[in-house]
Amino acid sequence: MTESADGQFGILMSALAGIATALAVALAMTVYFRMSYRTWRDVLRHGVAALAALALFAFAAYDMRHAALAYLGLNPSKPAVEFEISMPRETLAAATDTQIELHTDRNQTLALVEGVKELGDGRSVLRGAVALNHRTADRVLVVNLPGKGTFEFRLRLPAEPHRSEQFGPQFGPQFGPWHLADRIASPLASPVAPQDAYTIRYRVL
């Protein structure tokens, strides 16, 4: 609730700054076109003032756009990874409070779990996305299923990944190949399916 209020306040302040800047630009342009200039110094002085007002207006528009995107949880300047993790249906059905984190050598980021898709072969696919906030090739997606175990998937991406290739304009970026889990840590009292039963594929947005 607090983050939502802060986001709304940021958008409101950016909007007020934009309105004030627009008024300043309008005033500067009015003065520019209505005054009669007698010397080149007058033209130069008011021309610089008009350019400064236009630059301020452009900055305010840029600030409003980024404030709105931040409020929506989007940051177009940073890539993100959308992933699908396939596993036995009973493993995912028996787990509660699933948590997925992206671990790097610089930080840890909580991923957004988007939902579960049932397959017709006794398997389920856990879908989600996570932002790539730092330039590093050391990225491991850690899936914690309480009571079932912890599953680690290394993301095979360069330090600065590019957007995945398009598979037709209506489908968006194409998912990469499936990869096996790199490490599975299971509670002693809870047997886990073979490692090849847990796979991941992902794409860069």
Foldseek 3Di string as FASTA:
>chain_A
DVLLVVLVVQLVVLVVQLVVLVVQLVVLVVCLVPDDDDDVVVNVVSVVSNVVSVVSNVVSVVSNVQSVCVSVVHDVVFKKKKKKKKAAPVLVVPFPPKWKWKDFPVDIWTWAWDDKADDPPRMIITITMTIDPFQDQGIWIWIDGPQFWIFIDRDRAHSRHDFADDPDPVPGHDKDDKDWTPDIGGPPVHDHDDRRRIIMIMTMD
